[in-house]
């Protein structure tokens, strides 16, 4: 959530940032924020004046009684009662203005950094880098959903029977490949200094608001209405919320956590060829890396996270590219984001497997995640997160890009985890 200080002191810059993110009605929304903030502050000032008058008048009552000025004392008592009634009305007005202000701030996205390119959609993203191994496939190369059936790795129809579309069942070597990738990603994260967390996969509304998944305007989260709990769309939500309402010491930063969880997304509105097989699921496995840092170090942390994800893709021997997202294609909460995509040779298309974002103080302000600096001053942290990695499209690319007439080859880095070097 944007801070009131940022909005009031840099109003024009905030509006420009929101327009860069293609947030509709930026000027009107910020004007309403300023109006509500002024209302809240002016009402608070009136309340403070009333309280001062109540204290002074109440003090005088005793003195008037001692001096035998009973009528004046009674008049003073009446005045105190009147001010208290007025204050009740003012307090209600201030509370309403504060609540309306908070609700409005929740609907305003983060503003992008200067280095975020202009643009309205994915077509305007900038390719920063391409890498990995080129792939040559047999003429009769198959997409991963057909390979999964041929080698009995993933049963999509069984998933439909048990739950519904988008909930595949992994079997045999397919299940072992899935588990191998999870362990590989977790071990790589641990070797890079991340502390592993095993969090819940359901969270309360406060956690959803803390990281910006709520309010869920697009209806992408699964909601357990009876208990008012939400299935997590990413481990970012529970892991980052560990630090909600926490004041850290500067010496603790940066904090580096990783977590493997199942993730759940309704993917409302998704349809067509781009959702076939593992391309877009309602439930999937993912390893997430999360950092809590101080402002002056967060850009370095972001770069280290980008290097980490790129290193994973190199070890998996997959062709990849890194995209710098434009303002219109970034998430609601991010200040800057890079997407990693792997190339699916059989599908002839790029598949997103990771987004690595810096949220600046946006999430921290919602979370009240702060740290005490060397001068004992309390400041907001910066939060960062990235997928390292999401499994479905990694599995799709591994199956498709490594198919041979003899079977599907397993990258060398994964063989110690799978226990086999070929799917036959």
Protein backbone atom coordinates (compact mmCIF):
# COMPACT_ATOMS: atom_id res chain seq x y z
CA UNK A 1 0.00 0.00 0.00
CA UNK A 2 1.32 3.43 -0.89
CA UNK A 3 2.13 5.57 2.13
CA UNK A 4 0.21 8.79 2.78
CA UNK A 5 3.57 10.56 3.08
CA UNK A 6 4.54 9.47 -0.44
CA UNK A 7 1.17 10.53 -1.88
CA UNK A 8 1.07 13.94 -0.18
CA UNK A 9 4.71 14.86 -0.80
CA UNK A 10 5.01 13.45 -4.35
CA UNK A 11 1.46 13.70 -5.68
CA UNK A 12 2.34 14.35 -9.33
CA UNK A 13 4.98 11.59 -9.41
CA UNK A 14 2.52 9.11 -7.89
CA UNK A 15 -0.13 9.97 -10.49
CA UNK A 16 2.44 9.56 -13.29
CA UNK A 17 3.46 6.19 -11.85
CA UNK A 18 -0.13 4.98 -11.66
CA UNK A 19 -0.75 6.12 -15.24
CA UNK A 20 2.39 4.23 -16.32
CA UNK A 21 0.78 1.15 -14.77
CA UNK A 22 -2.43 1.96 -16.68
CA UNK A 23 -4.46 2.42 -13.50
CA UNK A 24 -7.75 3.97 -14.57
CA UNK A 25 -8.86 7.14 -12.83
CA UNK A 26 -5.46 7.81 -11.22
CA UNK A 27 -5.97 11.56 -10.77
CA UNK A 28 -9.50 11.22 -9.39
CA UNK A 29 -8.47 8.45 -6.99
CA UNK A 30 -5.48 10.34 -5.62
CA UNK A 31 -7.62 13.48 -5.27
CA UNK A 32 -10.08 11.44 -3.19
CA UNK A 33 -7.22 10.10 -1.05
CA UNK A 34 -6.03 13.65 -0.33
CA UNK A 35 -9.58 14.76 0.45
CA UNK A 36 -10.14 11.90 2.92
CA UNK A 37 -6.74 12.48 4.49
CA UNK A 38 -7.51 16.18 4.94
CA UNK A 39 -10.87 15.28 6.48
CA UNK A 40 -9.21 12.83 8.85
CA UNK A 41 -6.52 15.33 9.89
CA UNK A 42 -8.85 18.31 10.31
CA UNK A 43 -11.24 16.23 12.40
CA UNK A 44 -8.33 15.00 14.50
CA UNK A 45 -7.28 18.61 15.06
CA UNK A 46 -10.80 19.50 16.22
CA UNK A 47 -10.77 16.51 18.57
CA UNK A 48 -7.41 17.57 19.98
CA UNK A 49 -8.71 21.09 20.59
CA UNK A 50 -11.82 19.70 22.28
CA UNK A 51 -9.73 17.43 24.50
CA UNK A 52 -7.54 20.36 25.53
CA UNK A 53 -10.64 22.42 26.34
CA UNK A 54 -12.18 19.53 28.31
CA UNK A 55 -9.00 19.15 30.37
CA UNK A 56 -8.72 22.87 31.07
CA UNK A 57 -12.42 23.27 31.88
CA UNK A 58 -12.51 20.17 34.07
CA UNK A 59 -9.53 21.50 36.01
CA UNK A 60 -11.31 24.82 36.54
CA UNK A 61 -14.43 23.16 37.96
CA UNK A 62 -12.69 22.16 41.18
CA UNK A 63 -11.21 25.63 41.57
CA UNK A 64 -14.62 27.28 41.04
CA UNK A 65 -16.24 25.01 43.63
CA UNK A 66 -13.52 25.83 46.15
CA UNK A 67 -14.08 29.51 45.49
CA UNK A 68 -17.81 29.05 46.10
CA UNK A 69 -18.70 29.91 42.51
CA UNK A 70 -21.27 27.13 42.20
CA UNK A 71 -23.16 28.57 39.20
CA UNK A 72 -19.96 29.02 37.24
CA UNK A 73 -18.89 25.48 38.16
CA UNK A 74 -22.22 24.06 36.94
CA UNK A 75 -21.90 26.02 33.70
CA UNK A 76 -18.40 24.59 33.25
CA UNK A 77 -19.76 21.06 33.81
CA UNK A 78 -22.45 21.68 31.20
CA UNK A 79 -19.80 22.95 28.76
CA UNK A 80 -17.71 19.77 29.29
CA UNK A 81 -20.78 17.63 28.58
CA UNK A 82 -21.49 19.57 25.39
CA UNK A 83 -17.91 19.23 24.17
CA UNK A 84 -17.97 15.48 24.86
CA UNK A 85 -21.13 15.07 22.77
CA UNK A 86 -19.56 17.08 19.95
CA UNK A 87 -16.42 14.95 20.24
CA UNK A 88 -18.44 11.75 19.84
CA UNK A 89 -19.74 13.02 16.52
CA UNK A 90 -16.27 14.16 15.47
CA UNK A 91 -14.76 10.80 16.47
CA UNK A 92 -17.33 8.95 14.38
CA UNK A 93 -16.57 11.23 11.40
CA UNK A 94 -12.82 10.73 11.82
CA UNK A 95 -13.17 6.95 12.15
CA UNK A 96 -15.29 6.84 8.99
CA UNK A 97 -12.80 8.98 7.05
CA UNK A 98 -9.93 6.78 8.22
CA UNK A 99 -11.81 3.60 7.25
CA UNK A 100 -12.74 5.02 3.84
CA UNK A 101 -9.14 6.12 3.32
CA UNK A 102 -7.77 2.68 4.21
CA UNK A 103 -10.27 0.94 1.92
CA UNK A 104 -9.37 3.27 -0.96
CA UNK A 105 -5.62 2.80 -0.45
CA UNK A 106 -6.10 -0.97 -0.74
CA UNK A 107 -7.44 -0.49 -4.29
CA UNK A 108 -4.43 1.53 -5.51
CA UNK A 109 -1.55 -0.45 -7.06
CA UNK A 110 2.13 0.09 -6.42
CA UNK A 111 3.93 2.58 -8.64
CA UNK A 112 6.71 1.35 -10.94
CA UNK A 113 10.37 2.32 -10.80
CA UNK A 114 11.78 4.67 -13.41
CA UNK A 115 13.57 1.81 -15.17
CA UNK A 116 10.28 0.02 -15.87
CA UNK A 117 9.51 0.46 -19.59
CA UNK A 118 6.33 2.08 -20.86
CA UNK A 119 3.74 -0.27 -22.30
CA UNK A 120 0.22 -1.61 -21.95
CA UNK A 121 0.56 -5.39 -22.35
CA UNK A 122 2.91 -8.36 -22.68
CA UNK A 123 3.72 -7.33 -26.25
CA UNK A 124 5.53 -4.28 -24.82
CA UNK A 125 7.84 -6.22 -22.48
CA UNK A 126 11.55 -5.94 -23.16
CA UNK A 127 13.76 -9.00 -23.73
CA UNK A 128 16.78 -8.43 -21.47
CA UNK A 129 18.67 -11.64 -22.15
CA UNK A 130 18.45 -15.01 -23.86
CA UNK A 131 20.39 -18.10 -22.92
CA UNK A 132 20.45 -21.85 -22.54
CA UNK A 133 20.95 -24.72 -24.92
CA UNK A 134 19.45 -24.89 -28.38
CA UNK A 135 17.20 -27.89 -28.92
CA UNK A 136 16.81 -30.11 -31.97
CA UNK A 137 13.90 -32.52 -31.79
CA UNK A 138 12.88 -35.53 -33.88
CA UNK A 139 10.50 -34.80 -36.77
CA UNK A 140 7.69 -36.58 -34.95
CA UNK A 141 8.18 -34.61 -31.72
CA UNK A 142 5.19 -34.62 -29.39
CA UNK A 143 3.79 -31.99 -27.00
CA UNK A 144 4.11 -32.83 -23.31
CA UNK A 145 0.50 -33.93 -22.83
CA UNK A 146 1.00 -36.66 -25.43
CA UNK A 147 4.40 -37.60 -23.99
CA UNK A 148 2.80 -37.83 -20.54
CA UNK A 149 0.26 -40.31 -21.91
CA UNK A 150 2.79 -42.27 -23.95
CA UNK A 151 5.11 -42.83 -20.97
CA UNK A 152 2.31 -42.95 -18.34
CA UNK A 153 3.71 -39.95 -16.43
CA UNK A 154 0.68 -37.71 -15.88
CA UNK A 155 -3.02 -38.61 -16.06
CA UNK A 156 -5.10 -35.55 -16.88
CA UNK A 157 -8.37 -37.49 -17.28
CA UNK A 158 -7.99 -39.08 -13.85
CA UNK A 159 -7.53 -35.61 -12.38
CA UNK A 160 -10.81 -34.54 -14.00
CA UNK A 161 -12.53 -37.59 -12.48
CA UNK A 162 -11.19 -36.94 -8.98
CA UNK A 163 -11.47 -33.14 -8.90
CA UNK A 164 -11.89 -31.38 -12.24
CA UNK A 165 -9.89 -29.92 -15.10
CA UNK A 166 -6.58 -28.39 -14.07
CA UNK A 167 -5.80 -30.91 -11.30
CA UNK A 168 -3.49 -33.53 -12.89
CA UNK A 169 -2.40 -36.81 -11.29
CA UNK A 170 1.36 -37.53 -11.51
CA UNK A 171 2.32 -41.20 -11.71
CA UNK A 172 5.46 -43.33 -11.57
CA UNK A 173 8.43 -41.60 -13.12
CA UNK A 174 6.30 -38.47 -13.57
CA UNK A 175 5.77 -38.26 -9.80
CA UNK A 176 9.46 -38.98 -9.19
CA UNK A 177 10.47 -36.22 -11.63
CA UNK A 178 8.16 -33.82 -9.81
CA UNK A 179 9.64 -34.69 -6.41
CA UNK A 180 13.17 -34.54 -7.82
CA UNK A 181 12.63 -30.98 -9.06
CA UNK A 182 11.23 -29.88 -5.69
CA UNK A 183 14.22 -31.29 -3.82
CA UNK A 184 16.67 -29.88 -6.39
CA UNK A 185 15.18 -26.39 -6.11
CA UNK A 186 15.13 -26.51 -2.29
CA UNK A 187 18.73 -27.73 -2.10
CA UNK A 188 19.87 -24.99 -4.49
CA UNK A 189 18.05 -22.38 -2.39
CA UNK A 190 19.61 -23.70 0.82
CA UNK A 191 23.06 -23.61 -0.78
CA UNK A 192 22.38 -19.96 -1.67
CA UNK A 193 21.70 -19.11 1.97
CA UNK A 194 17.91 -19.38 2.13
CA UNK A 195 16.25 -20.79 5.25
CA UNK A 196 13.56 -23.32 4.39
CA UNK A 197 10.05 -22.71 5.70
CA UNK A 198 7.13 -25.16 5.61
CA UNK A 199 4.10 -22.85 5.92
CA UNK A 200 0.34 -23.51 5.87
CA UNK A 201 -1.32 -23.55 2.45
CA UNK A 202 -4.42 -21.74 3.75
CA UNK A 203 -4.30 -18.20 5.13
CA UNK A 204 -6.66 -15.75 6.80
CA UNK A 205 -7.90 -12.53 5.24
CA UNK A 206 -5.35 -10.42 7.11
CA UNK A 207 -2.54 -12.33 5.39
CA UNK A 208 -4.19 -11.87 2.00
CA UNK A 209 -4.47 -8.13 2.57
CA UNK A 210 -0.91 -8.00 3.87
CA UNK A 211 0.72 -9.14 0.61
CA UNK A 212 -1.87 -7.61 -1.72
CA UNK A 213 -3.85 -10.65 -2.89
CA UNK A 214 -6.92 -9.11 -1.25
CA UNK A 215 -9.14 -7.45 -2.20
CA UNK A 216 -9.34 -10.11 -4.94
CA UNK A 217 -10.95 -8.06 -7.68
CA UNK A 218 -10.31 -10.72 -10.33
CA UNK A 219 -11.67 -13.60 -8.27
CA UNK A 220 -8.56 -15.77 -8.66
CA UNK A 221 -8.31 -17.12 -5.09
CA UNK A 222 -10.14 -20.15 -3.73
CA UNK A 223 -12.16 -19.01 -0.71
CA UNK A 224 -13.24 -21.39 2.07
CA UNK A 225 -16.27 -19.32 3.03
CA UNK A 226 -17.34 -21.20 6.18
CA UNK A 227 -14.01 -20.51 7.90
CA UNK A 228 -13.16 -17.37 5.89
CA UNK A 229 -9.80 -18.81 4.83
CA UNK A 230 -8.07 -18.70 1.45
CA UNK A 231 -6.02 -21.33 -0.40
CA UNK A 232 -2.68 -19.73 -1.20
CA UNK A 233 -1.83 -18.80 -4.80
CA UNK A 234 1.88 -18.78 -3.87
CA UNK A 235 4.09 -19.36 -0.81
CA UNK A 236 4.87 -15.66 -0.94
CA UNK A 237 1.68 -15.04 1.06
CA UNK A 238 2.31 -17.12 4.22
CA UNK A 239 6.09 -16.66 4.21
CA UNK A 240 6.02 -12.86 3.88
CA UNK A 241 3.27 -12.68 6.51
CA UNK A 242 5.65 -14.20 9.05
CA UNK A 243 6.94 -10.64 9.35
CA UNK A 244 3.55 -8.91 9.63
CA UNK A 245 3.44 -6.53 12.63
CA UNK A 246 7.13 -7.23 13.35
CA UNK A 247 9.94 -4.76 14.01
CA UNK A 248 13.24 -6.32 12.97
CA UNK A 249 16.74 -5.24 13.88
CA UNK A 250 18.83 -3.90 11.00
CA UNK A 251 21.45 -6.59 11.71
CA UNK A 252 18.89 -9.29 10.82
CA UNK A 253 18.57 -8.01 7.24
CA UNK A 254 18.45 -9.29 4.60
CA UNK A 255 16.22 -12.18 5.68
CA UNK A 256 16.22 -14.98 3.09
CA UNK A 257 13.51 -17.65 3.16
CA UNK A 258 12.40 -20.33 0.73
CA UNK A 259 9.39 -22.63 0.76
CA UNK A 260 7.88 -25.46 -1.26
CA UNK A 261 4.08 -25.51 -1.32
CA UNK A 262 1.15 -26.51 -3.43
CA UNK A 263 -0.41 -23.41 -4.99
CA UNK A 264 -4.04 -22.87 -5.96
CA UNK A 265 -5.42 -20.48 -8.57
CA UNK A 266 -8.88 -20.38 -10.07
CA UNK A 267 -7.45 -19.02 -13.35
CA UNK A 268 -10.86 -17.51 -14.09
CA UNK A 269 -11.24 -16.53 -17.73
CA UNK A 270 -8.46 -18.83 -19.01
CA UNK A 271 -9.33 -20.93 -22.05
CA UNK A 272 -8.03 -22.20 -25.39
CA UNK A 273 -4.86 -23.92 -26.52
CA UNK A 274 -2.67 -22.02 -24.05
CA UNK A 275 -4.23 -23.88 -21.11
CA UNK A 276 -3.73 -27.41 -22.45
CA UNK A 277 -1.80 -29.99 -20.41
CA UNK A 278 0.47 -28.38 -17.81
CA UNK A 279 0.37 -24.92 -19.37
CA UNK A 280 -2.17 -23.55 -16.89
CA UNK A 281 -3.35 -25.43 -13.79
CA UNK A 282 -5.58 -24.80 -10.79
CA UNK A 283 -3.21 -26.69 -8.44
CA UNK A 284 0.54 -26.90 -8.90
CA UNK A 285 3.83 -27.19 -7.02
CA UNK A 286 6.24 -24.31 -6.62
CA UNK A 287 9.37 -23.35 -4.70
CA UNK A 288 9.37 -19.68 -3.72
CA UNK A 289 12.20 -17.46 -2.51
CA UNK A 290 11.37 -14.45 -0.33
CA UNK A 291 13.55 -11.66 1.01
CA UNK A 292 13.00 -8.93 3.57
CA UNK A 293 15.60 -6.19 3.22
CA UNK A 294 16.46 -2.59 3.96
CA UNK A 295 15.83 -0.05 1.18
CA UNK A 296 19.44 0.68 0.24
CA UNK A 297 20.22 -3.03 -0.28
CA UNK A 298 17.04 -4.26 -1.97
CA UNK A 299 18.21 -3.67 -5.54
CA UNK A 300 21.26 -5.83 -4.88
CA UNK A 301 19.00 -8.48 -3.35
CA UNK A 302 16.80 -8.36 -6.44
CA UNK A 303 19.78 -8.92 -8.72
CA UNK A 304 20.98 -11.83 -6.59
CA UNK A 305 17.54 -13.42 -6.88
CA UNK A 306 17.57 -12.97 -10.67
CA UNK A 307 21.02 -14.60 -10.83
CA UNK A 308 19.77 -17.50 -8.70
CA UNK A 309 16.80 -18.24 -10.96
CA UNK A 310 18.94 -17.96 -14.09
CA UNK A 311 21.41 -20.40 -12.55
CA UNK A 312 18.63 -22.97 -12.06
CA UNK A 313 17.58 -22.76 -15.69
CA UNK A 314 21.19 -23.16 -16.83
CA UNK A 315 21.56 -26.31 -14.71
CA UNK A 316 18.34 -27.68 -16.18
CA UNK A 317 19.83 -27.10 -19.66
CA UNK A 318 16.72 -25.29 -20.89
CA UNK A 319 16.57 -22.47 -23.46
CA UNK A 320 15.36 -19.37 -21.62
CA UNK A 321 14.85 -15.65 -21.87
CA UNK A 322 14.49 -12.89 -19.28
CA UNK A 323 11.88 -10.18 -19.78
CA UNK A 324 11.73 -6.77 -18.12
CA UNK A 325 8.00 -6.23 -17.72
CA UNK A 326 6.41 -2.98 -18.87
CA UNK A 327 4.18 -0.91 -16.59
CA UNK A 328 0.92 -2.30 -17.97
CA UNK A 329 1.93 -5.97 -17.59
CA UNK A 330 3.26 -5.82 -14.03
CA UNK A 331 1.44 -7.20 -11.03
CA UNK A 332 -0.68 -4.98 -8.78
CA UNK A 333 1.96 -4.97 -6.02
CA UNK A 334 5.33 -4.86 -7.76
CA UNK A 335 7.63 -1.88 -8.35
CA UNK A 336 9.71 -3.80 -10.88
CA UNK A 337 9.45 -7.35 -12.19
CA UNK A 338 11.41 -9.67 -14.45
CA UNK A 339 9.81 -12.79 -15.94
CA UNK A 340 11.74 -15.91 -16.88
CA UNK A 341 10.41 -17.98 -19.76
CA UNK A 342 11.57 -21.32 -21.12
CA UNK A 343 11.13 -22.31 -24.74
CA UNK A 344 8.90 -25.25 -25.54
CA UNK A 345 10.32 -26.67 -28.74
CA UNK A 346 7.36 -28.99 -29.40
CA UNK A 347 4.77 -26.23 -28.84
CA UNK A 348 6.93 -23.54 -30.47
CA UNK A 349 6.13 -21.06 -27.72
CA UNK A 350 7.62 -19.46 -24.62
CA UNK A 351 6.32 -20.59 -21.21
CA UNK A 352 6.59 -18.37 -18.13
CA UNK A 353 8.20 -20.20 -15.18
CA UNK A 354 9.14 -17.41 -12.79
CA UNK A 355 8.46 -13.80 -11.87
CA UNK A 356 11.04 -12.08 -9.65
CA UNK A 357 9.75 -8.85 -8.12
CA UNK A 358 10.80 -6.03 -5.83
CA UNK A 359 7.80 -4.50 -4.04
CA UNK A 360 9.70 -1.62 -2.40
CA UNK A 361 7.74 -0.63 0.76
CA UNK A 362 4.31 -1.42 -0.74
CA UNK A 363 3.76 -4.78 0.98
CA UNK A 364 5.69 -3.73 4.08
CA UNK A 365 3.33 -0.80 4.63
CA UNK A 366 0.34 -3.16 4.48
CA UNK A 367 2.09 -5.66 6.72
CA UNK A 368 3.60 -3.11 9.12
CA UNK A 369 6.89 -4.95 8.49
CA UNK A 370 9.56 -2.60 9.83
CA UNK A 371 13.13 -2.50 11.09
CA UNK A 372 15.06 -0.43 13.59
CA UNK A 373 18.12 1.19 12.00
CA UNK A 374 21.43 1.98 13.68
CA UNK A 375 20.01 5.32 14.87
CA UNK A 376 17.07 3.50 16.52
CA UNK A 377 14.69 4.95 13.93
CA UNK A 378 11.82 2.69 12.81
CA UNK A 379 11.59 2.34 9.02
CA UNK A 380 9.61 0.25 6.54
CA UNK A 381 11.39 -2.76 5.03
CA UNK A 382 11.47 -3.69 1.37
CA UNK A 383 10.01 -7.08 0.39
CA UNK A 384 10.99 -9.20 -2.61
CA UNK A 385 9.98 -12.59 -3.95
CA UNK A 386 10.38 -14.90 -6.90
CA UNK A 387 9.56 -18.38 -8.14
CA UNK A 388 12.55 -20.68 -8.00
CA UNK A 389 10.82 -22.37 -9.69
CA UNK A 390 7.20 -23.17 -10.63
CA UNK A 391 7.08 -26.79 -11.71
CA UNK A 392 4.34 -27.38 -14.33
CA UNK A 393 5.87 -25.54 -17.28
CA UNK A 394 9.37 -26.62 -16.26
CA UNK A 395 8.15 -30.22 -16.47
CA UNK A 396 6.47 -29.48 -19.81
CA UNK A 397 9.67 -28.00 -21.26
CA UNK A 398 11.86 -30.80 -19.85
CA UNK A 399 9.66 -33.49 -21.39
CA UNK A 400 9.32 -31.78 -24.76
CA UNK A 401 12.86 -30.49 -25.23
CA UNK A 402 14.57 -33.73 -24.14
CA UNK A 403 12.55 -36.28 -26.11
CA UNK A 404 14.64 -38.67 -28.22
CA UNK A 405 13.85 -41.85 -30.15
CA UNK A 406 15.11 -43.81 -27.12
CA UNK A 407 13.06 -41.90 -24.53
CA UNK A 408 13.16 -38.66 -22.58
CA UNK A 409 16.58 -37.58 -21.35
CA UNK A 410 17.00 -36.24 -17.81
CA UNK A 411 19.39 -33.27 -17.34
CA UNK A 412 22.59 -34.23 -15.49
CA UNK A 413 21.83 -31.96 -12.52
CA UNK A 414 18.58 -33.87 -11.87
CA UNK A 415 19.86 -37.45 -12.19
CA UNK A 416 21.01 -37.68 -8.52
CA UNK A 417 17.47 -36.66 -7.53
CA UNK A 418 15.46 -38.84 -9.97
CA UNK A 419 17.62 -41.95 -9.70
CA UNK A 420 17.33 -42.44 -13.48
CA UNK A 421 18.78 -40.65 -16.51
CA UNK A 422 16.14 -41.60 -19.04
CA UNK A 423 12.37 -42.01 -19.11
CA UNK A 424 11.62 -45.04 -21.27
